[in-house]
């Protein structure tokens, strides 16, 4: 049995994954982190058919009072790094679902994982359709060197761009850097309206009511355009299957891997 602790286990995505772990025949949910519900029983909160699951306020308490194999990090970027590093120092494997961590954050995280002979699987988005979008976009980037990314989300999403957009920008930049037709010093007007550059890839973040989470990669050639887009609905269900797969696979390597497809067979 894989023993799991979910940081953010009472949140929108975390609660759905908590239920998925409890229903999985080879996993057991032993604890969760939530400042709001600290000291309570997750089984009661989520109406789970399981033994009592303690909810702790912080990672240090969870590490000292429960024994687990995998930490699933599903909180906020300002505390995610602290949780991840603390777990790694105790020899735990970590699955990262939290968005907003930077390249510098992941460099530090990778060093800590290697130092402690453990592993981190960073997944910007657990949905299988997002995995396919990433793969198809990488394929397109091999042949089309003109591309940008648009990241859509609800109005109160605090991280911009999303972890999914950050990951996609990183991956496309590893295929090739996109062409720049007009440099920043040549622009007239508001240069910030062109979005932000991540790994030399132009990324635009839209935050409006009516959106859940969507990601779009756009490729252009003379007289032709290719758009590859993922749209999610209001349910967290699309992320459960990928989350369970990540928990299963995270102990199969040492160090850092990025993207669910890094542990999948195509």
Protein backbone atom coordinates (compact mmCIF):
# COMPACT_ATOMS: atom_id res chain seq x y z
CA UNK A 1 0.00 0.00 0.00
CA UNK A 2 1.22 3.49 -0.87
CA UNK A 3 0.67 5.78 2.12
CA UNK A 4 -0.34 9.29 1.02
CA UNK A 5 -0.55 12.72 2.62
CA UNK A 6 -2.35 15.43 0.64
CA UNK A 7 -1.46 19.06 1.32
CA UNK A 8 -4.63 20.92 0.41
CA UNK A 9 -6.73 17.81 0.82
CA UNK A 10 -9.91 19.81 1.49
CA UNK A 11 -9.58 22.09 -1.55
CA UNK A 12 -11.37 21.89 -4.89
CA UNK A 13 -8.89 19.54 -6.58
CA UNK A 14 -7.43 18.09 -3.38
CA UNK A 15 -10.77 16.84 -2.06
CA UNK A 16 -11.52 15.02 -5.33
CA UNK A 17 -8.09 13.39 -5.22
CA UNK A 18 -8.58 12.50 -1.54
CA UNK A 19 -11.69 10.55 -2.48
CA UNK A 20 -9.83 8.90 -5.36
CA UNK A 21 -6.99 7.77 -3.10
CA UNK A 22 -9.44 6.32 -0.56
CA UNK A 23 -11.12 4.30 -3.31
CA UNK A 24 -7.84 3.03 -4.79
CA UNK A 25 -7.10 -0.60 -3.80
CA UNK A 26 -3.35 -0.02 -3.47
CA UNK A 27 -3.32 3.33 -1.67
CA UNK A 28 -4.25 4.63 1.74
CA UNK A 29 -4.75 8.25 2.74
CA UNK A 30 -3.10 8.71 6.15
CA UNK A 31 -3.23 12.49 6.61
CA UNK A 32 -3.95 15.86 5.04
CA UNK A 33 -2.91 19.49 5.46
CA UNK A 34 -5.39 22.33 5.81
CA UNK A 35 -5.15 25.45 7.94
CA UNK A 36 -8.91 25.91 7.83
CA UNK A 37 -9.73 22.39 9.05
CA UNK A 38 -6.70 21.70 11.28
CA UNK A 39 -7.43 19.21 14.07
CA UNK A 40 -10.47 17.78 12.33
CA UNK A 41 -11.12 14.41 10.67
CA UNK A 42 -10.95 14.43 6.85
CA UNK A 43 -13.25 11.40 6.72
CA UNK A 44 -16.00 13.47 8.34
CA UNK A 45 -15.31 16.59 6.28
CA UNK A 46 -15.47 14.79 2.92
CA UNK A 47 -17.84 11.99 4.07
CA UNK A 48 -15.30 9.31 3.21
CA UNK A 49 -15.82 5.64 3.92
CA UNK A 50 -12.53 5.20 5.75
CA UNK A 51 -10.76 5.18 9.09
CA UNK A 52 -10.21 8.62 10.69
CA UNK A 53 -7.76 10.76 8.67
CA UNK A 54 -6.15 13.56 10.72
CA UNK A 55 -5.87 17.05 9.27
CA UNK A 56 -2.78 19.01 10.28
CA UNK A 57 -1.99 22.70 10.03
CA UNK A 58 1.55 22.34 8.69
CA UNK A 59 3.94 19.87 7.09
CA UNK A 60 6.20 19.63 10.14
CA UNK A 61 3.35 18.29 12.28
CA UNK A 62 2.24 15.86 9.57
CA UNK A 63 5.80 14.53 9.22
CA UNK A 64 6.20 14.05 12.97
CA UNK A 65 2.80 12.49 13.66
CA UNK A 66 2.12 10.32 10.60
CA UNK A 67 4.18 8.02 8.40
CA UNK A 68 3.61 8.40 4.66
CA UNK A 69 5.42 7.59 1.42
CA UNK A 70 4.15 10.32 -0.91
CA UNK A 71 3.22 13.94 -0.31
CA UNK A 72 0.81 15.40 -2.86
CA UNK A 73 1.29 19.18 -2.86
CA UNK A 74 -1.95 20.95 -3.75
CA UNK A 75 -1.81 24.24 -1.83
CA UNK A 76 -0.58 27.74 -2.75
CA UNK A 77 2.75 28.66 -4.37
CA UNK A 78 3.83 30.74 -1.35
CA UNK A 79 3.83 27.67 0.93
CA UNK A 80 4.27 24.85 -1.60
CA UNK A 81 8.06 25.13 -1.77
CA UNK A 82 8.35 24.93 2.02
CA UNK A 83 6.16 21.81 2.11
CA UNK A 84 8.06 20.13 -0.72
CA UNK A 85 11.53 20.75 0.70
CA UNK A 86 10.50 19.62 4.19
CA UNK A 87 9.11 16.36 2.81
CA UNK A 88 12.20 15.71 0.69
CA UNK A 89 14.50 16.20 3.67
CA UNK A 90 12.60 13.40 5.40
CA UNK A 91 13.01 11.09 2.39
CA UNK A 92 9.44 11.39 1.09
CA UNK A 93 8.48 11.37 -2.57
CA UNK A 94 6.49 14.39 -3.76
CA UNK A 95 3.85 14.90 -6.44
CA UNK A 96 3.37 18.60 -7.23
CA UNK A 97 -0.02 19.78 -8.41
CA UNK A 98 0.40 23.36 -7.17
CA UNK A 99 0.96 25.93 -9.90
CA UNK A 100 3.07 29.07 -9.72
CA UNK A 101 6.48 27.61 -8.83
CA UNK A 102 9.32 29.15 -10.84
CA UNK A 103 12.27 27.65 -12.71
CA UNK A 104 14.50 28.74 -9.82
CA UNK A 105 12.18 26.98 -7.35
CA UNK A 106 12.38 23.76 -9.34
CA UNK A 107 16.16 23.95 -9.53
CA UNK A 108 16.33 24.09 -5.72
CA UNK A 109 13.75 21.31 -5.42
CA UNK A 110 15.66 19.07 -7.84
CA UNK A 111 18.90 19.55 -5.90
CA UNK A 112 17.17 18.60 -2.63
CA UNK A 113 15.57 15.51 -4.20
CA UNK A 114 18.90 14.27 -5.54
CA UNK A 115 20.63 15.01 -2.23
CA UNK A 116 18.08 12.90 -0.33
CA UNK A 117 17.78 10.12 -2.95
CA UNK A 118 14.09 10.74 -3.45
CA UNK A 119 11.87 12.02 -6.25
CA UNK A 120 9.57 14.84 -7.34
CA UNK A 121 7.03 14.59 -10.14
CA UNK A 122 5.87 18.10 -11.04
CA UNK A 123 2.62 18.06 -12.99
CA UNK A 124 1.22 21.41 -14.07
CA UNK A 125 -2.09 19.76 -14.94
CA UNK A 126 -3.16 16.16 -14.27
CA UNK A 127 -5.80 16.00 -17.02
CA UNK A 128 -4.97 13.44 -19.71
CA UNK A 129 -6.16 15.86 -22.41
CA UNK A 130 -3.55 18.38 -21.20
CA UNK A 131 -0.85 15.71 -21.50
CA UNK A 132 -1.92 15.23 -25.11
CA UNK A 133 -1.94 19.00 -25.73
CA UNK A 134 1.63 19.19 -24.47
CA UNK A 135 2.77 16.31 -26.68
CA UNK A 136 0.98 17.61 -29.78
CA UNK A 137 2.37 21.11 -29.17
CA UNK A 138 5.90 19.77 -28.91
CA UNK A 139 5.39 17.95 -32.19
CA UNK A 140 4.16 21.14 -33.85
CA UNK A 141 7.06 23.19 -32.45
CA UNK A 142 9.52 20.94 -34.29
CA UNK A 143 8.13 22.15 -37.59
CA UNK A 144 6.80 25.64 -36.79
CA UNK A 145 9.10 28.12 -35.08
CA UNK A 146 6.41 30.79 -34.61
CA UNK A 147 4.26 30.19 -31.54
CA UNK A 148 2.71 31.79 -28.44
CA UNK A 149 0.62 30.57 -25.49
CA UNK A 150 -2.68 31.85 -24.09
CA UNK A 151 -3.63 30.86 -20.54
CA UNK A 152 -7.28 31.27 -19.45
CA UNK A 153 -8.66 31.00 -15.90
CA UNK A 154 -11.33 32.25 -13.51
CA UNK A 155 -11.11 35.80 -12.18
CA UNK A 156 -9.79 34.89 -8.70
CA UNK A 157 -6.89 32.65 -9.75
CA UNK A 158 -3.95 34.40 -8.08
CA UNK A 159 -1.04 32.92 -10.02
CA UNK A 160 -0.34 34.18 -13.51
CA UNK A 161 0.58 32.51 -15.69
CA UNK A 162 -0.71 29.14 -14.53
CA UNK A 163 1.55 26.20 -13.80
CA UNK A 164 0.23 24.56 -16.95
CA UNK A 165 1.30 27.56 -19.05
CA UNK A 166 4.69 27.72 -17.35
CA UNK A 167 5.28 24.05 -18.02
CA UNK A 168 4.17 24.31 -21.65
CA UNK A 169 6.44 27.32 -22.24
CA UNK A 170 9.37 25.43 -20.76
CA UNK A 171 8.73 22.35 -22.85
CA UNK A 172 8.30 24.23 -26.13
CA UNK A 173 11.48 26.19 -25.46
CA UNK A 174 13.34 22.90 -25.20
CA UNK A 175 12.20 22.04 -28.75
CA UNK A 176 13.27 25.41 -30.18
CA UNK A 177 13.04 29.10 -29.37
CA UNK A 178 10.26 30.94 -31.22
CA UNK A 179 11.02 33.64 -33.78
CA UNK A 180 10.80 37.27 -32.71
CA UNK A 181 9.44 39.50 -35.47
CA UNK A 182 9.32 42.81 -33.57
CA UNK A 183 11.69 43.33 -30.65
CA UNK A 184 10.58 44.99 -27.42
CA UNK A 185 12.66 48.06 -28.20
CA UNK A 186 10.83 48.42 -31.52
CA UNK A 187 7.29 48.27 -30.13
CA UNK A 188 5.15 51.39 -30.12
CA UNK A 189 2.60 51.78 -27.32
CA UNK A 190 2.43 49.49 -24.28
CA UNK A 191 5.02 46.71 -24.51
CA UNK A 192 3.34 44.89 -21.59
CA UNK A 193 0.30 44.25 -23.80
CA UNK A 194 2.37 41.62 -25.60
CA UNK A 195 2.33 39.48 -22.47
CA UNK A 196 5.28 37.99 -20.58
CA UNK A 197 8.22 35.99 -21.84
CA UNK A 198 8.90 32.67 -20.15
CA UNK A 199 11.92 30.76 -21.47
CA UNK A 200 11.72 33.17 -24.43
CA UNK A 201 8.13 32.07 -25.19
CA UNK A 202 5.40 34.75 -25.23
CA UNK A 203 2.63 33.93 -22.74
CA UNK A 204 -0.67 35.78 -22.23
CA UNK A 205 -2.89 35.24 -19.16
CA UNK A 206 -6.64 35.95 -19.26
CA UNK A 207 -8.49 36.11 -15.91
CA UNK A 208 -12.27 36.55 -16.25
CA UNK A 209 -15.54 35.16 -14.85
CA UNK A 210 -16.93 32.38 -17.00
CA UNK A 211 -13.59 30.65 -17.44
CA UNK A 212 -12.49 27.60 -15.45
CA UNK A 213 -9.05 26.62 -16.75
CA UNK A 214 -7.99 26.52 -20.40
CA UNK A 215 -4.68 26.52 -22.24
CA UNK A 216 -4.03 27.22 -25.91
CA UNK A 217 -0.88 27.00 -28.01
CA UNK A 218 -0.99 28.94 -31.28
CA UNK A 219 1.35 28.31 -34.21
CA UNK A 220 1.56 30.48 -37.31
CA UNK A 221 3.01 30.22 -40.80
CA UNK A 222 2.34 32.41 -43.81
CA UNK A 223 -1.36 32.06 -44.72
CA UNK A 224 -1.96 29.26 -42.18
CA UNK A 225 -2.48 28.87 -38.44
CA UNK A 226 -2.70 25.95 -36.00
CA UNK A 227 -4.40 26.19 -32.60
CA UNK A 228 -4.25 23.41 -30.02
CA UNK A 229 -6.52 24.01 -27.02
CA UNK A 230 -7.65 22.29 -23.84
CA UNK A 231 -10.77 23.38 -21.93
CA UNK A 232 -11.75 22.02 -18.54
CA UNK A 233 -15.19 22.04 -16.94
CA UNK A 234 -16.23 22.95 -13.41
CA UNK A 235 -15.57 19.48 -11.97
CA UNK A 236 -12.19 18.36 -10.60
CA UNK A 237 -12.83 14.82 -11.87
CA UNK A 238 -10.46 15.11 -14.91
CA UNK A 239 -7.51 15.55 -12.55
CA UNK A 240 -8.11 12.48 -10.37
CA UNK A 241 -7.02 9.76 -12.80
CA UNK A 242 -3.78 11.58 -13.60
CA UNK A 243 -3.17 12.31 -9.92
CA UNK A 244 -3.45 8.64 -9.00
CA UNK A 245 -1.10 7.70 -11.82
CA UNK A 246 1.43 10.26 -10.59
CA UNK A 247 1.29 8.81 -7.06
CA UNK A 248 1.88 5.32 -8.46
CA UNK A 249 4.86 6.36 -10.60
CA UNK A 250 6.67 8.99 -8.51
CA UNK A 251 8.90 6.46 -6.73
CA UNK A 252 10.15 4.95 -10.01
CA UNK A 253 13.04 7.42 -10.42
CA UNK A 254 15.33 9.75 -8.48
CA UNK A 255 15.43 13.53 -8.84
CA UNK A 256 12.90 15.70 -10.68
CA UNK A 257 10.64 14.90 -13.61
CA UNK A 258 8.21 17.37 -15.13
CA UNK A 259 4.95 16.50 -16.80
CA UNK A 260 2.75 13.45 -16.38
CA UNK A 261 3.88 12.16 -19.76
CA UNK A 262 7.41 11.71 -18.36
CA UNK A 263 6.16 8.59 -16.55
CA UNK A 264 3.70 7.44 -19.23
CA UNK A 265 4.20 5.18 -22.23
CA UNK A 266 3.12 6.46 -25.65
